[in-house]
Amino acid sequence: MPNTPTPIHIIGGGLAGSEAAWQIAALGVPVVLHEMRPVRRTDAHQTDRLAELVCSNSFRSDDADHNAVGLLHEEMRRCGSLILAAADSHKVPAGGALAVDRDRFADAVSETLLAHRLVTLVREEIADVPTDWSSVIIATGPLTSPPLAAFVQSLTGQEALAFFDAIAPIVHTHSIDFDRAWYQSRYDKPGPGGTGKDYINCPFDRDGYQAFIQAVLDAEKTDFKAWETNTPYFDGCLPIEVMAERGIDTLRFGPMKPVGLTDPHTGRRPYAVVQLRQDNALGTLYNLVGFQTKMRHGEQIRVLRMIPGLEQAAFARLGGLHRNTFLNSPRLLDPWLRLQSQPRLRFAGQITGCEGYLESAAVGLMAGRFAAAERLGWNLARPAATTALGALLGHLTGNANAETFQPMNVNFGLFPPLEAAPKGRERKRAYTRRARQDLPAWVNAFPVVAPPRLTNIELPPAARVAAG
């Protein structure tokens, strides 16, 4: 075919790479998908199938009216997502969640891509990117191979983080009780561009602090996965429970120190304080400073709501602790997911700093569409920031604070604030109504990507290469 565009190369056949490949091929552009399994195995995967789910089998809530995750499901379906089509075809009972038969799901994604005339799958490890590949999407996930990670580091000049990154919880600003909390920087000293009121402070008295420390020590903690056990903590990011184990006052003289602060409700300096720092440009999210934790999620909610002012806190993200490899995307990527220093390279999936199966696939969908549009000479339209896709993209490419950037699931705290903000479920409905109004402009910027016709054929046993 003389007018066939030059192929786009994708490195990584996980959820993001598979979705990107589908979107590119569906728009009429050839794609070469490079997957290193089974030539080189990972510590987490068990087969060589594309889009293998290595942990949970859930894509989380499918409620598009009240949940940002469900809204992202809906938007991806409207964009002809292969991942959502395979999930819908192979779902299993899970209440309001979208959960799948993981084997049949991966079979469907693999076989559908392999059957597409514009998709070529190459089983090989890519240690660096050849200079004659003019358009590349790197979608290698949190277990990026060391040679490729080193290549990316050589290009960015930034550390691609590969250690136990302990993640601090993030709270929706509207859920903080300001009858207990207040805005103030230590000694009223403003940071760069600040006002002297750059932090939200939640005060403890002595008894409350000691009860809180005991609750942290008693809480159930997460277990490490097998491939994480030899990875050290990041020294500057110790979990609060590790600090609490070092003594009752360790946190009070560390991230919970009250010096330079005066509680306007009492006129006194508190015994200890939890500070929250603005986490996005919109001011809708604040993270708990120094509160990285490996407590189980249910325990986190219970324990963190012991903090004065956070009794009714709504969490956009709970803390976590796991091995990861990801870019400081707000600093390194442009608005179309291209590496600013080398625009022929795009990134997609968890390596960009999104969190979760769904978000990984969503970023793959956007990267694939951007790459295909660029190859075809079309306008590089972006989804509106008011949509779930656009909010996630905005977080990765500009709205997040690059100094504190950590992986994040999609949530309504990433969306621009509503002009008139109702409360509770009506607030969520208002976000989804606005998103549904604004998504069609981006969908219509591309020729129709029809929902994939899944083969629903299981791969033969020989294609299922079990990890040794």
Protein backbone atom coordinates (compact mmCIF):
# COMPACT_ATOMS: atom_id res chain seq x y z
CA MET A 1 0.00 0.00 0.00
CA PRO A 2 1.96 3.02 -1.26
CA ASN A 3 0.21 5.55 0.98
CA THR A 4 0.50 3.56 4.21
CA PRO A 5 2.05 5.75 6.93
CA THR A 6 5.35 4.81 8.56
CA PRO A 7 4.71 2.49 11.55
CA ILE A 8 4.58 3.72 15.13
CA HIS A 9 6.55 1.61 17.60
CA ILE A 10 5.17 0.74 21.04
CA ILE A 11 7.38 -0.76 23.74
CA GLY A 12 5.38 -2.81 26.24
CA GLY A 13 2.36 -5.06 25.70
CA GLY A 14 0.51 -4.38 28.93
CA LEU A 15 -2.79 -2.55 29.26
CA ALA A 16 -1.46 0.82 28.08
CA GLY A 17 0.56 -0.56 25.19
CA SER A 18 -2.27 -2.80 24.01
CA GLU A 19 -4.82 0.03 24.11
CA ALA A 20 -2.44 2.41 22.34
CA ALA A 21 -1.80 -0.19 19.62
CA TRP A 22 -5.53 -0.70 19.08
CA GLN A 23 -6.26 3.03 18.82
CA ILE A 24 -3.42 3.59 16.35
CA ALA A 25 -4.38 0.66 14.13
CA ALA A 26 -8.08 1.59 14.26
CA LEU A 27 -7.14 5.01 12.87
CA GLY A 28 -5.36 3.37 9.93
CA VAL A 29 -1.73 3.65 11.02
CA PRO A 30 0.55 0.58 11.22
CA VAL A 31 1.97 -0.25 14.63
CA VAL A 32 4.81 -2.49 15.77
CA LEU A 33 4.24 -3.70 19.32
CA HIS A 34 7.38 -4.85 21.13
CA GLU A 35 6.86 -7.14 24.14
CA MET A 36 9.85 -8.69 25.91
CA ARG A 37 7.99 -11.65 27.41
CA PRO A 38 8.85 -14.55 27.12
CA VAL A 39 12.34 -13.58 25.87
CA ARG A 40 12.81 -11.83 29.20
CA ARG A 41 10.41 -12.51 32.05
CA THR A 42 9.35 -10.21 34.85
CA ASP A 43 8.98 -11.15 38.49
CA ALA A 44 5.23 -10.48 38.39
CA HIS A 45 3.86 -11.88 35.11
CA GLN A 46 2.97 -15.54 34.68
CA THR A 47 2.34 -15.72 30.90
CA ASP A 48 3.35 -14.02 27.68
CA ARG A 49 -0.18 -12.79 26.92
CA LEU A 50 -0.80 -9.14 26.18
CA ALA A 51 -2.66 -7.13 28.84
CA GLU A 52 -2.08 -9.75 31.54
CA LEU A 53 -3.54 -8.67 34.89
CA VAL A 54 -0.89 -9.37 37.51
CA CYS A 55 -2.73 -8.33 40.68
CA SER A 56 -6.46 -7.68 41.07
CA ASN A 57 -8.97 -8.67 38.40
CA SER A 58 -11.06 -5.54 39.03
CA PHE A 59 -11.38 -2.31 37.05
CA ARG A 60 -13.21 -0.89 40.08
CA SER A 61 -16.54 0.96 40.13
CA ASP A 62 -18.68 0.99 36.99
CA ASP A 63 -20.96 3.73 38.37
CA ALA A 64 -20.60 6.52 35.81
CA ASP A 65 -23.00 8.88 37.63
CA HIS A 66 -21.23 9.15 41.00
CA ASN A 67 -17.69 7.89 40.51
CA ALA A 68 -14.78 9.25 38.48
CA VAL A 69 -13.64 5.70 37.74
CA GLY A 70 -17.02 4.75 36.31
CA LEU A 71 -17.05 7.97 34.30
CA LEU A 72 -13.66 7.03 32.85
CA HIS A 73 -15.11 3.62 31.89
CA GLU A 74 -17.90 5.39 30.02
CA GLU A 75 -15.57 7.79 28.22
CA MET A 76 -13.24 4.99 27.12
CA ARG A 77 -16.19 2.98 25.78
CA ARG A 78 -17.21 6.02 23.75
CA CYS A 79 -13.68 6.11 22.31
CA GLY A 80 -13.83 2.48 21.15
CA SER A 81 -11.51 1.13 23.84
CA LEU A 82 -10.26 -2.43 23.31
CA ILE A 83 -9.57 -2.86 27.03
CA LEU A 84 -13.13 -1.90 28.04
CA ALA A 85 -14.64 -4.03 25.28
CA ALA A 86 -12.67 -7.06 26.47
CA ALA A 87 -13.59 -6.34 30.09
CA ASP A 88 -17.29 -6.00 29.27
CA SER A 89 -17.22 -9.26 27.30
CA HIS A 90 -15.54 -11.24 30.06
CA LYS A 91 -16.87 -9.68 33.25
CA VAL A 92 -17.66 -11.71 36.34
CA PRO A 93 -20.12 -10.87 39.16
CA ALA A 94 -18.68 -8.13 41.38
CA GLY A 95 -21.60 -5.96 42.52
CA GLY A 96 -21.17 -2.45 41.19
CA ALA A 97 -17.58 -3.07 40.09
CA LEU A 98 -16.30 -4.19 36.69
CA ALA A 99 -14.28 -7.34 37.36
CA VAL A 100 -13.13 -9.83 34.75
CA ASP A 101 -12.09 -13.40 34.13
CA ARG A 102 -8.43 -12.51 33.84
CA ASP A 103 -7.46 -15.36 31.50
CA ARG A 104 -10.29 -14.85 29.00
CA PHE A 105 -9.78 -11.08 29.18
CA ALA A 106 -6.09 -11.34 28.24
CA ASP A 107 -6.89 -13.93 25.56
CA ALA A 108 -9.41 -11.56 23.97
CA VAL A 109 -7.05 -8.58 23.95
CA SER A 110 -4.15 -10.67 22.61
CA GLU A 111 -6.09 -12.43 19.87
CA THR A 112 -7.91 -9.28 18.73
CA LEU A 113 -4.67 -7.34 18.35
CA LEU A 114 -2.85 -10.23 16.67
CA ALA A 115 -5.69 -10.52 14.15
CA HIS A 116 -5.48 -6.87 13.09
CA ARG A 117 -3.77 -6.41 9.72
CA LEU A 118 -1.95 -3.25 10.87
CA VAL A 119 -0.52 -4.70 14.10
CA THR A 120 2.82 -6.51 14.17
CA LEU A 121 3.90 -8.13 17.45
CA VAL A 122 7.64 -8.58 18.01
CA ARG A 123 8.87 -10.60 20.99
CA GLU A 124 12.10 -8.89 22.04
CA GLU A 125 13.57 -6.78 24.80
CA ILE A 126 14.27 -3.16 23.89
CA ALA A 127 17.24 -1.79 25.81
CA ASP A 128 17.33 1.55 24.02
CA VAL A 129 15.29 3.17 21.26
CA PRO A 130 16.80 3.14 17.76
CA THR A 131 17.29 6.61 16.37
CA ASP A 132 15.43 5.79 13.15
CA TRP A 133 12.14 5.14 15.00
CA SER A 134 10.47 8.49 14.45
CA SER A 135 7.42 7.90 16.69
CA VAL A 136 7.61 5.72 19.79
CA ILE A 137 5.36 5.09 22.80
CA ILE A 138 7.10 3.69 25.88
CA ALA A 139 4.48 1.84 27.92
CA THR A 140 6.58 -0.50 30.03
CA GLY A 141 4.84 -0.05 33.37
CA PRO A 142 6.16 -0.17 36.93
CA LEU A 143 8.45 -3.13 36.17
CA THR A 144 10.39 -1.48 33.35
CA SER A 145 13.51 -3.53 32.63
CA PRO A 146 16.74 -2.07 34.05
CA PRO A 147 18.40 -1.44 30.65
CA LEU A 148 15.43 0.52 29.32
CA ALA A 149 15.07 2.41 32.63
CA ALA A 150 18.73 3.38 32.35
CA PHE A 151 18.13 4.57 28.78
CA VAL A 152 15.21 6.74 29.93
CA GLN A 153 17.31 8.16 32.76
CA SER A 154 20.04 9.07 30.29
CA LEU A 155 17.53 11.10 28.27
CA THR A 156 15.70 12.84 31.07
CA GLY A 157 18.43 13.75 33.48
CA GLN A 158 15.87 12.89 36.17
CA GLU A 159 15.67 9.85 38.38
CA ALA A 160 13.12 7.31 37.17
CA LEU A 161 12.14 6.15 40.61
CA ALA A 162 12.81 2.49 41.33
CA PHE A 163 12.50 1.82 45.04
CA PHE A 164 9.80 1.49 47.67
CA ASP A 165 8.08 4.80 47.09
CA ALA A 166 5.97 5.46 50.16
CA ILE A 167 2.96 7.52 49.12
CA ALA A 168 1.20 10.03 51.36
CA PRO A 169 -2.61 10.18 51.47
CA ILE A 170 -4.44 13.01 49.71
CA VAL A 171 -7.61 14.67 51.00
CA HIS A 172 -10.36 16.56 49.17
CA THR A 173 -10.14 20.14 50.45
CA HIS A 174 -13.92 20.52 50.77
CA SER A 175 -14.03 17.69 53.35
CA ILE A 176 -11.67 19.38 55.87
CA ASP A 177 -13.29 20.85 59.01
CA PHE A 178 -11.98 24.39 59.37
CA ASP A 179 -13.61 24.75 62.78
CA ARG A 180 -10.59 22.66 63.86
CA ALA A 181 -8.03 23.28 61.10
CA TRP A 182 -6.53 26.53 59.81
CA TYR A 183 -4.24 27.91 57.09
CA GLN A 184 -0.72 28.95 58.14
CA SER A 185 2.91 28.39 57.15
CA ARG A 186 5.50 27.98 59.90
CA TYR A 187 6.40 31.41 61.29
CA ASP A 188 4.00 32.79 58.63
CA LYS A 189 6.85 32.45 56.16
CA PRO A 190 5.63 32.16 52.56
CA GLY A 191 7.13 29.68 50.14
CA PRO A 192 7.86 30.59 46.51
CA GLY A 193 4.79 32.42 45.26
CA GLY A 194 3.09 31.76 48.59
CA THR A 195 1.26 33.93 51.09
CA GLY A 196 2.40 32.70 54.50
CA LYS A 197 -0.75 30.54 54.57
CA ASP A 198 0.44 27.81 52.27
CA TYR A 199 -0.43 24.86 54.55
CA ILE A 200 -3.51 23.57 56.31
CA ASN A 201 -2.81 22.62 59.94
CA CYS A 202 -4.60 20.07 62.10
CA PRO A 203 -3.70 20.30 65.82
CA PHE A 204 -3.26 17.57 68.46
CA ASP A 205 -3.25 17.90 72.22
CA ARG A 206 -1.04 15.52 74.23
CA ASP A 207 -3.65 12.83 74.86
CA GLY A 208 -4.90 12.89 71.29
CA TYR A 209 -1.36 12.63 69.93
CA GLN A 210 -0.46 9.65 72.10
CA ALA A 211 -3.68 7.85 71.17
CA PHE A 212 -2.96 8.53 67.52
CA ILE A 213 0.60 7.13 67.72
CA GLN A 214 -0.69 3.98 69.42
CA ALA A 215 -3.32 3.56 66.70
CA VAL A 216 -0.62 3.87 64.02
CA LEU A 217 1.47 1.19 65.74
CA ASP A 218 -1.51 -1.16 66.20
CA ALA A 219 -2.92 -0.81 62.68
CA GLU A 220 -2.67 -3.68 60.20
CA LYS A 221 0.03 -3.14 57.59
CA THR A 222 0.34 -4.30 53.99
CA ASP A 223 2.47 -7.27 53.01
CA PHE A 224 5.14 -6.93 50.38
CA LYS A 225 4.87 -8.82 47.10
CA ALA A 226 7.54 -11.39 46.35
CA TRP A 227 9.43 -9.19 43.86
CA GLU A 228 9.55 -6.25 46.29
CA THR A 229 11.24 -7.89 49.26
CA ASN A 230 14.79 -6.95 48.23
CA THR A 231 14.01 -3.34 47.35
CA PRO A 232 15.04 -0.82 50.02
CA TYR A 233 13.03 2.07 51.38
CA PHE A 234 13.66 5.45 49.84
CA ASP A 235 15.57 7.17 52.65
CA GLY A 236 13.72 10.46 52.36
CA CYS A 237 10.29 8.87 52.40
CA LEU A 238 9.99 6.66 55.48
CA PRO A 239 6.48 5.46 56.42
CA ILE A 240 5.02 7.05 59.55
CA GLU A 241 4.77 3.68 61.28
CA VAL A 242 8.52 3.14 60.86
CA MET A 243 9.13 6.52 62.49
CA ALA A 244 6.57 5.80 65.24
CA GLU A 245 8.39 2.57 66.10
CA ARG A 246 11.48 4.62 66.90
CA GLY A 247 9.81 6.34 69.85
CA ILE A 248 6.68 8.14 71.00
CA ASP A 249 8.09 11.59 70.17
CA THR A 250 9.78 10.81 66.86
CA LEU A 251 6.89 12.11 64.75
CA ARG A 252 6.32 15.09 67.07
CA PHE A 253 9.90 16.18 66.41
CA GLY A 254 9.66 15.22 62.74
CA PRO A 255 6.81 15.84 60.29
CA MET A 256 4.36 16.59 63.14
CA LYS A 257 6.45 19.25 64.86
CA PRO A 258 4.32 22.25 65.93
CA VAL A 259 7.02 24.94 65.99
CA GLY A 260 6.21 28.23 64.31
CA LEU A 261 2.46 27.60 64.41
CA THR A 262 -0.32 29.11 66.51
CA ASP A 263 -3.80 27.63 66.62
CA PRO A 264 -6.16 30.60 66.07
CA HIS A 265 -8.96 28.69 67.78
CA THR A 266 -7.03 28.53 71.09
CA GLY A 267 -4.28 31.13 70.72
CA ARG A 268 -1.67 28.49 71.69
CA ARG A 269 0.89 26.34 69.99
CA PRO A 270 -0.47 22.78 69.65
CA TYR A 271 1.30 19.77 71.16
CA ALA A 272 1.71 18.28 67.67
CA VAL A 273 0.32 19.11 64.26
CA VAL A 274 -0.40 17.44 60.95
CA GLN A 275 0.27 19.73 58.01
CA LEU A 276 -1.40 19.39 54.63
CA ARG A 277 0.20 20.86 51.53
CA GLN A 278 -1.61 21.87 48.34
CA ASP A 279 -1.27 19.04 45.84
CA ASN A 280 -2.67 20.46 42.61
CA ALA A 281 -2.93 23.81 40.89
CA LEU A 282 -6.70 23.83 41.35
CA GLY A 283 -6.43 23.79 45.15
CA THR A 284 -8.95 20.96 45.39
CA LEU A 285 -6.50 18.43 46.84
CA TYR A 286 -4.09 18.55 49.80
CA ASN A 287 -1.57 15.86 50.80
CA LEU A 288 -0.60 14.97 54.35
CA VAL A 289 3.01 16.12 54.66
CA GLY A 290 5.38 13.32 55.65
CA PHE A 291 2.53 10.82 56.05
CA GLN A 292 3.69 8.03 53.79
CA THR A 293 2.28 4.79 55.13
CA LYS A 294 1.91 1.06 54.53
CA MET A 295 -1.22 0.70 56.68
CA ARG A 296 -4.00 -1.21 54.97
CA HIS A 297 -6.53 1.09 53.32
CA GLY A 298 -9.38 0.41 55.74
CA GLU A 299 -7.06 1.03 58.67
CA GLN A 300 -5.81 4.26 57.12
CA ILE A 301 -9.30 5.70 56.95
CA ARG A 302 -9.96 4.76 60.58
CA VAL A 303 -6.65 6.06 61.92
CA LEU A 304 -6.34 9.20 59.82
CA ARG A 305 -9.85 10.30 60.78
CA MET A 306 -8.50 10.56 64.34
CA ILE A 307 -6.67 13.69 63.17
CA PRO A 308 -8.55 16.82 64.34
CA GLY A 309 -10.19 18.44 61.33
CA LEU A 310 -10.16 15.22 59.29
CA GLU A 311 -12.96 13.41 61.13
CA GLN A 312 -15.06 13.46 57.94
CA ALA A 313 -12.19 13.49 55.48
CA ALA A 314 -12.81 12.25 51.94
CA PHE A 315 -9.65 10.72 50.53
CA ALA A 316 -8.71 11.17 46.88
CA ARG A 317 -5.87 8.72 47.38
CA LEU A 318 -4.80 6.60 50.32
CA GLY A 319 -1.19 5.96 51.18
CA GLY A 320 0.79 3.09 49.78
CA LEU A 321 4.18 1.48 49.66
CA HIS A 322 5.44 -0.49 46.70
CA ARG A 323 8.16 -0.80 44.13
CA ASN A 324 7.58 1.48 41.19
CA THR A 325 9.27 3.03 38.19
CA PHE A 326 7.77 6.27 36.96
CA LEU A 327 8.68 9.63 35.51
CA ASN A 328 8.21 13.04 37.06
CA SER A 329 5.74 13.61 34.24
CA PRO A 330 4.63 17.17 35.10
CA ARG A 331 8.25 18.25 34.73
CA LEU A 332 9.26 16.08 31.78
CA LEU A 333 6.27 15.59 29.46
CA ASP A 334 4.47 18.06 27.22
CA PRO A 335 0.64 18.27 27.03
CA TRP A 336 0.56 15.43 24.46
CA LEU A 337 2.63 13.01 26.59
CA ARG A 338 5.81 13.64 24.57
CA LEU A 339 9.19 13.87 26.25
CA GLN A 340 10.03 17.56 26.02
CA SER A 341 13.71 16.91 25.35
CA GLN A 342 12.99 14.33 22.61
CA PRO A 343 9.44 14.67 21.23
CA ARG A 344 9.61 11.52 19.10
CA LEU A 345 9.16 9.63 22.39
CA ARG A 346 5.81 9.44 24.13
CA PHE A 347 5.07 7.71 27.41
CA ALA A 348 1.89 5.91 28.44
CA GLY A 349 0.58 3.86 31.32
CA GLN A 350 1.93 3.56 34.83
CA ILE A 351 5.39 4.81 33.89
CA THR A 352 3.76 8.26 33.53
CA GLY A 353 2.68 8.24 37.17
CA CYS A 354 -0.94 7.21 36.81
CA GLU A 355 -2.08 4.45 39.17
CA GLY A 356 -4.25 1.47 38.33
CA TYR A 357 -5.24 -0.77 35.44
CA LEU A 358 -7.91 1.55 34.14
CA GLU A 359 -5.86 4.73 34.29
CA SER A 360 -2.96 2.96 32.60
CA ALA A 361 -5.18 1.92 29.71
CA ALA A 362 -6.73 5.41 29.52
CA VAL A 363 -3.35 7.08 29.14
CA GLY A 364 -2.50 4.46 26.50
CA LEU A 365 -5.69 5.38 24.65
CA MET A 366 -4.76 9.07 24.63
CA ALA A 367 -1.12 8.43 23.69
CA GLY A 368 -2.22 6.20 20.82
CA ARG A 369 -4.62 8.79 19.46
CA PHE A 370 -2.07 11.58 19.77
CA ALA A 371 0.62 9.52 18.02
CA ALA A 372 -1.72 8.50 15.18
CA ALA A 373 -2.99 12.06 14.71
CA GLU A 374 0.55 13.38 14.58
CA ARG A 375 1.56 10.74 12.03
CA LEU A 376 -1.45 11.60 9.85
CA GLY A 377 -0.89 15.35 10.11
CA TRP A 378 -4.10 16.03 12.02
CA ASN A 379 -4.74 18.59 14.71
CA LEU A 380 -3.52 17.33 18.10
CA ALA A 381 -6.75 17.96 19.99
CA ARG A 382 -6.77 17.19 23.72
CA PRO A 383 -9.81 16.07 25.73
CA ALA A 384 -11.39 18.87 27.77
CA ALA A 385 -10.01 19.20 31.30
CA THR A 386 -13.57 18.74 32.56
CA THR A 387 -13.68 15.14 31.32
CA ALA A 388 -12.19 12.17 33.16
CA LEU A 389 -9.67 11.64 30.37
CA GLY A 390 -8.72 15.31 30.30
CA ALA A 391 -8.48 15.61 34.08
CA LEU A 392 -6.14 12.61 34.23
CA LEU A 393 -4.04 14.00 31.38
CA GLY A 394 -3.91 17.42 33.02
CA HIS A 395 -2.69 15.91 36.27
CA LEU A 396 0.16 14.14 34.50
CA THR A 397 1.22 17.03 32.29
CA GLY A 398 0.91 20.19 34.31
CA ASN A 399 -1.61 20.43 37.15
CA ALA A 400 0.26 18.25 39.65
CA ASN A 401 3.03 19.69 41.80
CA ALA A 402 6.27 18.37 40.28
CA GLU A 403 8.02 18.65 43.66
CA THR A 404 5.65 16.20 45.32
CA PHE A 405 4.43 14.19 42.32
CA GLN A 406 3.35 10.63 43.11
CA PRO A 407 1.16 8.05 41.32
CA MET A 408 -2.55 8.85 41.40
CA ASN A 409 -5.86 7.21 40.51
CA VAL A 410 -8.49 9.22 38.67
CA ASN A 411 -10.79 11.10 41.09
CA PHE A 412 -12.97 14.19 41.07
CA GLY A 413 -10.25 16.16 42.87
CA LEU A 414 -8.37 16.25 39.55
CA PHE A 415 -11.28 18.01 37.80
CA PRO A 416 -11.60 21.81 37.59
CA PRO A 417 -13.88 23.05 40.38
CA LEU A 418 -17.58 23.48 39.66
CA GLU A 419 -18.90 27.02 39.50
CA ALA A 420 -21.74 26.11 41.81
CA ALA A 421 -20.69 23.20 43.97
CA PRO A 422 -23.53 21.12 45.45
CA LYS A 423 -22.68 18.60 48.14
CA GLY A 424 -22.52 14.84 48.36
CA ARG A 425 -23.81 12.73 45.51
CA GLU A 426 -25.17 15.79 43.71
CA ARG A 427 -21.63 17.19 43.49
CA LYS A 428 -20.54 14.00 41.74
CA ARG A 429 -23.52 14.09 39.40
CA ALA A 430 -22.62 17.65 38.48
CA TYR A 431 -19.08 16.61 37.55
CA THR A 432 -20.34 13.78 35.37
CA ARG A 433 -22.99 15.94 33.65
CA ARG A 434 -20.36 18.50 32.73
CA ALA A 435 -17.98 15.80 31.47
CA ARG A 436 -20.65 14.24 29.26
CA GLN A 437 -21.35 17.61 27.70
CA ASP A 438 -17.68 18.29 26.98
CA LEU A 439 -16.40 14.87 25.81
CA PRO A 440 -17.99 14.78 22.31
CA ALA A 441 -15.73 17.58 21.01
CA TRP A 442 -12.70 15.32 21.49
CA VAL A 443 -14.42 12.15 20.31
CA ASN A 444 -15.51 13.95 17.14
CA ALA A 445 -11.99 15.24 16.47
CA PHE A 446 -11.13 11.73 15.24
CA PRO A 447 -12.78 9.49 12.66
CA VAL A 448 -15.02 6.97 14.35
CA VAL A 449 -13.09 4.25 16.18
CA ALA A 450 -15.65 1.44 16.20
CA PRO A 451 -15.78 -0.82 19.25
CA PRO A 452 -13.55 -3.79 18.52
CA ARG A 453 -15.11 -7.05 17.34
CA LEU A 454 -13.48 -9.43 19.78
CA THR A 455 -12.38 -12.79 18.51
CA ASN A 456 -13.23 -14.48 21.84
CA ILE A 457 -10.83 -17.25 20.89
CA GLU A 458 -8.60 -18.60 23.64
CA LEU A 459 -4.93 -18.70 22.81
CA PRO A 460 -3.45 -22.18 22.49
CA PRO A 461 -1.59 -23.60 25.51
CA ALA A 462 1.76 -23.07 23.77
CA ALA A 463 1.19 -19.29 23.87
CA ARG A 464 0.76 -19.32 27.63
CA VAL A 465 4.33 -19.33 28.81
CA ALA A 466 4.38 -19.75 32.55
CA ALA A 467 7.07 -17.99 34.53
CA GLY A 468 9.63 -20.42 35.91
